[in-house]
N, C-alpha and C. Protein backbone atom coordinates (compact mmCIF):
# COMPACT_ATOMS: atom_id res chain seq x y z
N UNK A 1 0.84 -1.18 0.00
CA UNK A 1 0.00 0.00 0.00
C UNK A 1 0.88 1.24 0.00
N UNK A 2 0.49 2.23 -0.79
CA UNK A 2 1.20 3.50 -0.80
C UNK A 2 0.80 4.31 0.43
N UNK A 3 1.81 4.94 1.04
CA UNK A 3 1.59 5.78 2.21
C UNK A 3 2.40 7.06 2.06
N UNK A 4 2.10 8.04 2.90
CA UNK A 4 2.86 9.28 2.93
C UNK A 4 4.00 9.09 3.93
N UNK A 5 5.19 9.39 3.46
CA UNK A 5 6.38 9.32 4.31
C UNK A 5 7.02 10.70 4.39
N UNK A 6 7.41 11.07 5.60
CA UNK A 6 8.05 12.37 5.81
C UNK A 6 9.56 12.22 5.71
N UNK A 7 10.17 13.25 5.13
CA UNK A 7 11.64 13.32 5.05
C UNK A 7 12.06 14.61 5.75
N UNK A 8 12.29 14.52 7.08
CA UNK A 8 12.55 15.72 7.89
C UNK A 8 13.71 16.58 7.38
N UNK A 9 14.70 15.98 6.77
CA UNK A 9 15.84 16.75 6.29
C UNK A 9 15.45 17.73 5.18
N UNK A 10 14.30 17.49 4.54
CA UNK A 10 13.85 18.36 3.45
C UNK A 10 12.76 19.35 3.87
N UNK A 11 12.22 19.18 5.07
CA UNK A 11 11.14 20.04 5.53
C UNK A 11 11.69 21.41 5.89
N UNK A 12 11.09 22.46 5.31
CA UNK A 12 11.54 23.83 5.59
C UNK A 12 10.53 24.58 6.44
N UNK A 13 9.62 23.85 7.07
CA UNK A 13 8.69 24.41 8.03
C UNK A 13 7.75 25.46 7.42
N UNK A 14 7.35 25.25 6.19
CA UNK A 14 6.49 26.23 5.51
C UNK A 14 5.00 26.01 5.80
N UNK A 15 4.64 24.84 6.28
CA UNK A 15 3.26 24.49 6.62
C UNK A 15 2.33 24.43 5.41
N UNK A 16 2.88 24.39 4.20
CA UNK A 16 2.03 24.30 3.01
C UNK A 16 1.29 22.97 2.93
N UNK A 17 1.83 21.93 3.55
CA UNK A 17 1.12 20.65 3.60
C UNK A 17 -0.20 20.82 4.35
N UNK A 18 -0.16 21.57 5.46
CA UNK A 18 -1.38 21.83 6.23
C UNK A 18 -2.38 22.64 5.40
N UNK A 19 -1.90 23.68 4.74
CA UNK A 19 -2.77 24.54 3.94
C UNK A 19 -3.44 23.73 2.83
N UNK A 20 -2.65 22.94 2.11
CA UNK A 20 -3.21 22.15 1.01
C UNK A 20 -4.19 21.10 1.51
N UNK A 21 -3.95 20.55 2.68
CA UNK A 21 -4.86 19.58 3.29
C UNK A 21 -6.19 20.25 3.61
N UNK A 22 -6.14 21.42 4.21
CA UNK A 22 -7.36 22.15 4.56
C UNK A 22 -8.19 22.44 3.32
N UNK A 23 -7.53 22.93 2.28
CA UNK A 23 -8.25 23.28 1.05
C UNK A 23 -8.85 22.03 0.41
N UNK A 24 -8.10 20.93 0.39
CA UNK A 24 -8.58 19.69 -0.23
C UNK A 24 -9.81 19.13 0.49
N UNK A 25 -9.95 19.40 1.78
CA UNK A 25 -11.08 18.89 2.55
C UNK A 25 -12.16 19.94 2.78
N UNK A 26 -12.05 21.06 2.09
CA UNK A 26 -13.07 22.11 2.23
C UNK A 26 -14.21 21.86 1.24
N UNK A 27 -15.33 22.50 1.47
CA UNK A 27 -16.45 22.41 0.53
C UNK A 27 -16.10 23.09 -0.79
N UNK A 28 -15.46 24.25 -0.72
CA UNK A 28 -15.21 25.06 -1.92
C UNK A 28 -14.00 24.60 -2.74
N UNK A 29 -13.05 23.96 -2.10
CA UNK A 29 -11.77 23.58 -2.72
C UNK A 29 -11.00 24.82 -3.22
N UNK A 30 -11.26 25.95 -2.56
CA UNK A 30 -10.64 27.22 -2.91
C UNK A 30 -9.94 27.77 -1.67
N UNK A 31 -8.69 28.18 -1.82
CA UNK A 31 -7.88 28.63 -0.69
C UNK A 31 -8.54 29.76 0.09
N UNK A 32 -8.92 30.82 -0.58
CA UNK A 32 -9.46 31.98 0.11
C UNK A 32 -10.83 31.71 0.73
N UNK A 33 -11.67 30.99 0.03
CA UNK A 33 -12.98 30.66 0.60
C UNK A 33 -12.84 29.74 1.82
N UNK A 34 -11.93 28.77 1.72
CA UNK A 34 -11.73 27.84 2.83
C UNK A 34 -11.30 28.57 4.10
N UNK A 35 -10.44 29.54 3.96
CA UNK A 35 -9.94 30.26 5.13
C UNK A 35 -10.87 31.38 5.60
N UNK A 36 -11.46 32.10 4.67
CA UNK A 36 -12.26 33.27 5.03
C UNK A 36 -13.73 32.93 5.29
N UNK A 37 -14.35 32.22 4.37
CA UNK A 37 -15.79 31.97 4.48
C UNK A 37 -16.12 30.69 5.23
N UNK A 38 -15.30 29.68 5.04
CA UNK A 38 -15.59 28.40 5.70
C UNK A 38 -14.91 28.30 7.06
N UNK A 39 -14.01 29.24 7.35
CA UNK A 39 -13.30 29.30 8.63
C UNK A 39 -12.72 27.95 9.04
N UNK A 40 -11.87 27.41 8.21
CA UNK A 40 -11.31 26.08 8.43
C UNK A 40 -9.91 26.08 9.03
N UNK A 41 -9.48 27.20 9.56
CA UNK A 41 -8.16 27.23 10.20
C UNK A 41 -8.11 26.17 11.29
N UNK A 42 -7.00 25.47 11.37
CA UNK A 42 -6.84 24.46 12.41
C UNK A 42 -7.50 23.13 12.13
N UNK A 43 -7.92 22.89 10.89
CA UNK A 43 -8.59 21.63 10.58
C UNK A 43 -7.76 20.72 9.69
N UNK A 44 -6.48 20.99 9.59
CA UNK A 44 -5.62 20.14 8.76
C UNK A 44 -5.53 18.75 9.35
N UNK A 45 -5.45 17.78 8.49
CA UNK A 45 -5.32 16.39 8.92
C UNK A 45 -3.86 15.96 8.97
N UNK A 46 -2.99 16.86 8.63
CA UNK A 46 -1.55 16.69 8.77
C UNK A 46 -1.06 17.90 9.56
N UNK A 47 -0.18 17.68 10.52
CA UNK A 47 0.31 18.75 11.37
C UNK A 47 1.84 18.76 11.34
N UNK A 48 2.40 19.94 11.17
CA UNK A 48 3.86 20.07 11.19
C UNK A 48 4.30 20.23 12.64
N UNK A 49 5.12 19.29 13.09
CA UNK A 49 5.72 19.36 14.42
C UNK A 49 7.04 20.08 14.30
N UNK A 50 7.23 21.09 15.13
CA UNK A 50 8.44 21.89 15.07
C UNK A 50 9.32 21.63 16.29
N UNK A 51 10.50 21.20 16.06
CA UNK A 51 11.55 21.07 17.07
C UNK A 51 12.78 21.65 16.39
N UNK A 52 12.77 22.97 16.28
CA UNK A 52 13.81 23.65 15.51
C UNK A 52 15.19 23.23 15.97
N UNK A 53 16.10 22.99 15.06
CA UNK A 53 16.06 23.37 13.66
C UNK A 53 15.32 22.37 12.76
N UNK A 54 14.80 21.27 13.32
CA UNK A 54 14.08 20.29 12.50
C UNK A 54 12.58 20.47 12.63
N UNK A 55 11.87 20.12 11.57
CA UNK A 55 10.42 20.06 11.60
C UNK A 55 10.01 18.89 10.71
N UNK A 56 8.84 18.34 11.01
CA UNK A 56 8.38 17.18 10.25
C UNK A 56 6.85 17.15 10.27
N UNK A 57 6.28 16.75 9.15
CA UNK A 57 4.83 16.61 9.07
C UNK A 57 4.43 15.26 9.67
N UNK A 58 3.39 15.30 10.49
CA UNK A 58 2.88 14.09 11.15
C UNK A 58 1.47 13.83 10.64
N UNK A 59 1.24 12.63 10.16
CA UNK A 59 -0.09 12.24 9.70
C UNK A 59 -0.28 10.75 9.93
N UNK A 60 -1.50 10.30 9.73
CA UNK A 60 -1.86 8.91 9.96
C UNK A 60 -0.93 7.96 9.20
N UNK A 61 -0.56 6.88 9.86
CA UNK A 61 0.31 5.86 9.26
C UNK A 61 -0.49 4.74 8.61
N UNK A 62 -1.79 4.77 8.73
CA UNK A 62 -2.65 3.72 8.16
C UNK A 62 -2.10 2.34 8.53
N UNK A 63 -2.02 2.14 9.83
CA UNK A 63 -1.42 0.94 10.42
C UNK A 63 -2.06 -0.35 9.91
N UNK A 64 -1.27 -1.42 9.95
CA UNK A 64 -1.79 -2.73 9.56
C UNK A 64 -2.88 -3.19 10.54
N UNK A 65 -2.66 -2.94 11.83
CA UNK A 65 -3.62 -3.29 12.87
C UNK A 65 -3.91 -2.02 13.68
N UNK A 66 -4.73 -1.10 13.14
CA UNK A 66 -4.91 0.21 13.77
C UNK A 66 -5.64 0.18 15.10
N UNK A 67 -5.01 0.77 16.12
CA UNK A 67 -5.61 0.86 17.44
C UNK A 67 -6.85 1.75 17.43
N UNK A 68 -6.84 2.76 16.55
CA UNK A 68 -7.99 3.67 16.49
C UNK A 68 -9.25 2.93 16.05
N UNK A 69 -9.10 1.99 15.14
CA UNK A 69 -10.25 1.20 14.67
C UNK A 69 -10.69 0.24 15.77
N UNK A 70 -9.73 -0.42 16.41
CA UNK A 70 -10.06 -1.38 17.47
C UNK A 70 -10.76 -0.71 18.64
N UNK A 71 -10.39 0.53 18.95
CA UNK A 71 -10.95 1.21 20.10
C UNK A 71 -12.23 1.97 19.84
N UNK A 72 -12.63 2.10 18.60
CA UNK A 72 -13.80 2.90 18.25
C UNK A 72 -15.09 2.21 18.72
N UNK A 73 -15.80 2.84 19.64
CA UNK A 73 -16.99 2.21 20.22
C UNK A 73 -18.21 2.25 19.30
N UNK A 74 -18.20 3.15 18.32
CA UNK A 74 -19.37 3.27 17.44
C UNK A 74 -19.16 2.62 16.07
N UNK A 75 -17.96 2.14 15.81
CA UNK A 75 -17.67 1.55 14.51
C UNK A 75 -17.45 2.59 13.42
N UNK A 76 -17.23 3.84 13.82
CA UNK A 76 -17.02 4.91 12.84
C UNK A 76 -15.65 4.82 12.17
N UNK A 77 -14.64 4.42 12.93
CA UNK A 77 -13.29 4.29 12.37
C UNK A 77 -13.18 2.93 11.70
N UNK A 78 -12.80 2.93 10.44
CA UNK A 78 -12.71 1.68 9.69
C UNK A 78 -11.42 1.66 8.86
N UNK A 79 -11.03 0.46 8.51
CA UNK A 79 -9.89 0.26 7.61
C UNK A 79 -10.45 -0.39 6.35
N UNK A 80 -10.32 0.28 5.23
CA UNK A 80 -10.80 -0.24 3.96
C UNK A 80 -10.00 -1.48 3.60
N UNK A 81 -10.66 -2.60 3.44
CA UNK A 81 -9.97 -3.87 3.18
C UNK A 81 -9.29 -3.90 1.82
N UNK A 82 -9.77 -3.13 0.86
CA UNK A 82 -9.16 -3.10 -0.47
C UNK A 82 -7.97 -2.16 -0.55
N UNK A 83 -8.11 -0.93 -0.03
CA UNK A 83 -7.05 0.06 -0.17
C UNK A 83 -6.12 0.13 1.03
N UNK A 84 -6.58 -0.31 2.20
CA UNK A 84 -5.79 -0.22 3.42
C UNK A 84 -5.89 1.13 4.11
N UNK A 85 -6.71 2.03 3.56
CA UNK A 85 -6.86 3.37 4.12
C UNK A 85 -7.74 3.31 5.37
N UNK A 86 -7.25 3.94 6.44
CA UNK A 86 -8.01 4.06 7.67
C UNK A 86 -8.71 5.41 7.63
N UNK A 87 -10.03 5.40 7.82
CA UNK A 87 -10.77 6.65 7.76
C UNK A 87 -11.97 6.58 8.70
N UNK A 88 -12.60 7.74 8.88
CA UNK A 88 -13.77 7.84 9.76
C UNK A 88 -15.03 8.00 8.94
N UNK A 89 -16.03 7.20 9.27
CA UNK A 89 -17.38 7.38 8.74
C UNK A 89 -18.03 8.42 9.65
N UNK A 90 -17.92 9.68 9.25
CA UNK A 90 -18.26 10.79 10.13
C UNK A 90 -19.68 10.75 10.68
N UNK A 91 -20.61 10.20 9.92
CA UNK A 91 -22.00 10.14 10.39
C UNK A 91 -22.18 9.19 11.57
N UNK A 92 -21.23 8.29 11.80
CA UNK A 92 -21.32 7.34 12.90
C UNK A 92 -20.55 7.78 14.14
N UNK A 93 -19.71 8.80 14.02
CA UNK A 93 -18.86 9.23 15.13
C UNK A 93 -19.69 9.84 16.25
N UNK A 94 -19.39 9.43 17.49
CA UNK A 94 -20.10 9.94 18.66
C UNK A 94 -19.22 10.88 19.49
N UNK A 95 -18.01 11.11 19.04
CA UNK A 95 -17.13 12.05 19.73
C UNK A 95 -16.55 11.55 21.03
N UNK A 96 -16.33 10.27 21.17
CA UNK A 96 -15.77 9.73 22.41
C UNK A 96 -14.24 9.89 22.46
N UNK A 97 -13.64 10.06 21.32
CA UNK A 97 -12.20 10.30 21.14
C UNK A 97 -11.31 9.14 21.57
N UNK A 98 -11.84 7.91 21.58
CA UNK A 98 -10.97 6.77 21.86
C UNK A 98 -9.97 6.60 20.73
N UNK A 99 -10.32 7.03 19.53
CA UNK A 99 -9.37 6.97 18.42
C UNK A 99 -8.17 7.88 18.68
N UNK A 100 -8.43 9.05 19.24
CA UNK A 100 -7.38 10.01 19.57
C UNK A 100 -6.45 9.42 20.62
N UNK A 101 -7.06 8.86 21.66
CA UNK A 101 -6.28 8.28 22.76
C UNK A 101 -5.51 7.04 22.32
N UNK A 102 -6.07 6.28 21.39
CA UNK A 102 -5.44 5.03 20.97
C UNK A 102 -4.33 5.17 19.95
N UNK A 103 -4.24 6.30 19.26
CA UNK A 103 -3.23 6.45 18.22
C UNK A 103 -1.85 6.63 18.84
N UNK A 104 -0.92 5.71 18.58
CA UNK A 104 0.41 5.82 19.19
C UNK A 104 1.28 6.91 18.55
N UNK A 105 0.83 7.50 17.46
CA UNK A 105 1.63 8.50 16.75
C UNK A 105 1.12 9.93 16.95
N UNK A 106 0.01 10.08 17.65
CA UNK A 106 -0.55 11.41 17.84
C UNK A 106 -1.05 12.02 16.54
N UNK A 107 -1.51 11.16 15.64
CA UNK A 107 -1.91 11.60 14.30
C UNK A 107 -3.40 11.87 14.17
N UNK A 108 -4.15 11.75 15.26
CA UNK A 108 -5.59 12.02 15.23
C UNK A 108 -5.89 13.08 16.28
N UNK A 109 -6.66 14.09 15.88
CA UNK A 109 -7.03 15.16 16.79
C UNK A 109 -8.55 15.33 16.81
N UNK A 110 -9.10 15.75 17.96
CA UNK A 110 -10.53 16.03 18.00
C UNK A 110 -10.87 17.21 17.09
N UNK A 111 -11.98 17.11 16.40
CA UNK A 111 -12.41 18.19 15.53
C UNK A 111 -13.92 18.30 15.51
N UNK A 112 -14.40 19.16 14.64
CA UNK A 112 -15.83 19.39 14.52
C UNK A 112 -16.15 19.70 13.07
N UNK A 113 -17.30 19.20 12.61
CA UNK A 113 -17.76 19.49 11.25
C UNK A 113 -19.27 19.62 11.31
N UNK A 114 -19.77 20.76 10.89
CA UNK A 114 -21.22 21.03 10.91
C UNK A 114 -21.81 20.80 12.30
N UNK A 115 -21.07 21.21 13.33
CA UNK A 115 -21.56 21.07 14.70
C UNK A 115 -21.47 19.69 15.29
N UNK A 116 -20.90 18.75 14.55
CA UNK A 116 -20.76 17.36 15.03
C UNK A 116 -19.30 17.06 15.29
N UNK A 117 -19.00 16.21 16.27
CA UNK A 117 -17.61 15.83 16.51
C UNK A 117 -17.11 14.92 15.39
N UNK A 118 -15.91 15.18 14.93
CA UNK A 118 -15.25 14.31 13.95
C UNK A 118 -13.76 14.28 14.25
N UNK A 119 -13.15 13.13 14.14
CA UNK A 119 -11.70 13.09 14.32
C UNK A 119 -11.01 13.65 13.07
N UNK A 120 -9.99 14.44 13.28
CA UNK A 120 -9.20 14.98 12.17
C UNK A 120 -8.00 14.06 11.98
N UNK A 121 -8.00 13.35 10.85
CA UNK A 121 -6.89 12.44 10.54
C UNK A 121 -6.75 12.31 9.04
N UNK A 122 -5.58 11.99 8.62
CA UNK A 122 -5.29 11.83 7.19
C UNK A 122 -6.11 10.68 6.62
N UNK A 123 -6.72 10.93 5.47
CA UNK A 123 -7.44 9.88 4.76
C UNK A 123 -6.79 9.63 3.39
N UNK A 124 -5.56 10.10 3.23
CA UNK A 124 -4.79 10.00 1.99
C UNK A 124 -5.52 10.63 0.81
N UNK A 125 -6.41 11.57 1.10
CA UNK A 125 -7.22 12.21 0.05
C UNK A 125 -7.77 11.13 -0.87
N UNK A 126 -8.44 10.17 -0.27
CA UNK A 126 -8.87 8.96 -0.99
C UNK A 126 -9.73 9.24 -2.21
N UNK A 127 -10.25 10.46 -2.32
CA UNK A 127 -11.03 10.83 -3.49
C UNK A 127 -10.13 11.25 -4.66
N UNK A 128 -8.88 11.56 -4.36
CA UNK A 128 -7.93 12.04 -5.38
C UNK A 128 -6.86 10.98 -5.63
N UNK A 129 -6.01 11.23 -6.59
CA UNK A 129 -4.95 10.27 -6.90
C UNK A 129 -3.74 10.39 -5.99
N UNK A 130 -3.44 11.62 -5.58
CA UNK A 130 -2.28 11.88 -4.72
C UNK A 130 -2.72 12.77 -3.58
N UNK A 131 -2.26 12.51 -2.36
CA UNK A 131 -2.63 13.37 -1.24
C UNK A 131 -2.22 14.82 -1.49
N UNK A 132 -3.09 15.74 -1.09
CA UNK A 132 -2.84 17.17 -1.31
C UNK A 132 -1.58 17.66 -0.60
N UNK A 133 -1.29 17.09 0.55
CA UNK A 133 -0.09 17.52 1.29
C UNK A 133 1.18 17.21 0.50
N UNK A 134 1.18 16.06 -0.17
CA UNK A 134 2.35 15.66 -0.98
C UNK A 134 2.43 16.51 -2.23
N UNK A 135 1.30 16.68 -2.90
CA UNK A 135 1.28 17.46 -4.14
C UNK A 135 1.70 18.90 -3.91
N UNK A 136 1.39 19.45 -2.74
CA UNK A 136 1.70 20.85 -2.47
C UNK A 136 3.00 21.11 -1.75
N UNK A 137 3.78 20.08 -1.49
CA UNK A 137 5.05 20.26 -0.77
C UNK A 137 6.12 20.73 -1.75
N UNK A 138 6.61 21.97 -1.61
CA UNK A 138 7.56 22.50 -2.58
C UNK A 138 8.94 21.87 -2.52
N UNK A 139 9.27 21.22 -1.41
CA UNK A 139 10.62 20.67 -1.24
C UNK A 139 10.66 19.15 -1.25
N UNK A 140 9.51 18.53 -1.55
CA UNK A 140 9.38 17.07 -1.54
C UNK A 140 9.78 16.46 -0.19
N UNK A 141 9.40 17.17 0.87
CA UNK A 141 9.64 16.65 2.21
C UNK A 141 8.65 15.54 2.54
N UNK A 142 7.57 15.47 1.76
CA UNK A 142 6.59 14.39 1.86
C UNK A 142 6.58 13.65 0.55
N UNK A 143 6.62 12.33 0.63
CA UNK A 143 6.54 11.49 -0.57
C UNK A 143 5.44 10.47 -0.38
N UNK A 144 4.81 10.11 -1.48
CA UNK A 144 3.72 9.12 -1.48
C UNK A 144 4.22 7.92 -2.25
N UNK A 145 4.56 6.86 -1.52
CA UNK A 145 5.16 5.70 -2.17
C UNK A 145 4.91 4.43 -1.36
N UNK A 146 5.19 3.33 -1.99
CA UNK A 146 5.08 2.04 -1.33
C UNK A 146 6.49 1.61 -0.93
N UNK A 147 6.61 1.13 0.29
CA UNK A 147 7.92 0.67 0.80
C UNK A 147 7.78 -0.73 1.35
N UNK A 148 8.87 -1.46 1.27
CA UNK A 148 8.90 -2.80 1.87
C UNK A 148 8.98 -2.65 3.38
N UNK A 149 8.49 -3.64 4.09
CA UNK A 149 8.57 -3.63 5.56
C UNK A 149 10.02 -3.56 5.97
N UNK A 150 10.30 -2.69 6.93
CA UNK A 150 11.67 -2.53 7.41
C UNK A 150 12.52 -1.59 6.57
N UNK A 151 11.95 -1.05 5.49
CA UNK A 151 12.74 -0.15 4.64
C UNK A 151 12.70 1.26 5.15
């Protein structure tokens, strides 16, 4: 399965991965509308962790045996058996945040959409061919590729 991998040595802390993620998950798919009219600041599913002089983008690892799916009391968190993508069925989420607590990578955050609780986590932009964070990274600090175990 293809996943997003971070290359910290190439990250220049520009946060464009976050911006592109927000726009890709907005209703308008437009930068200015997403920020001004839809007020989506802070809703990125990828977060840049800063420990200067290094920074790195953190997002869901789409684990083989995801703890977030195992801990979800409502069955909202699922792993697609065909693609391997872990995502939330937002209409089923009850906002208990066991997925947040269960993620060993800190890649899931509590969020809200249309007044309902939803976990904010990378879904690999499953509607598109390439994740927006990867496509918008000017320095290729994020790559979308398949790797062998242990590589």
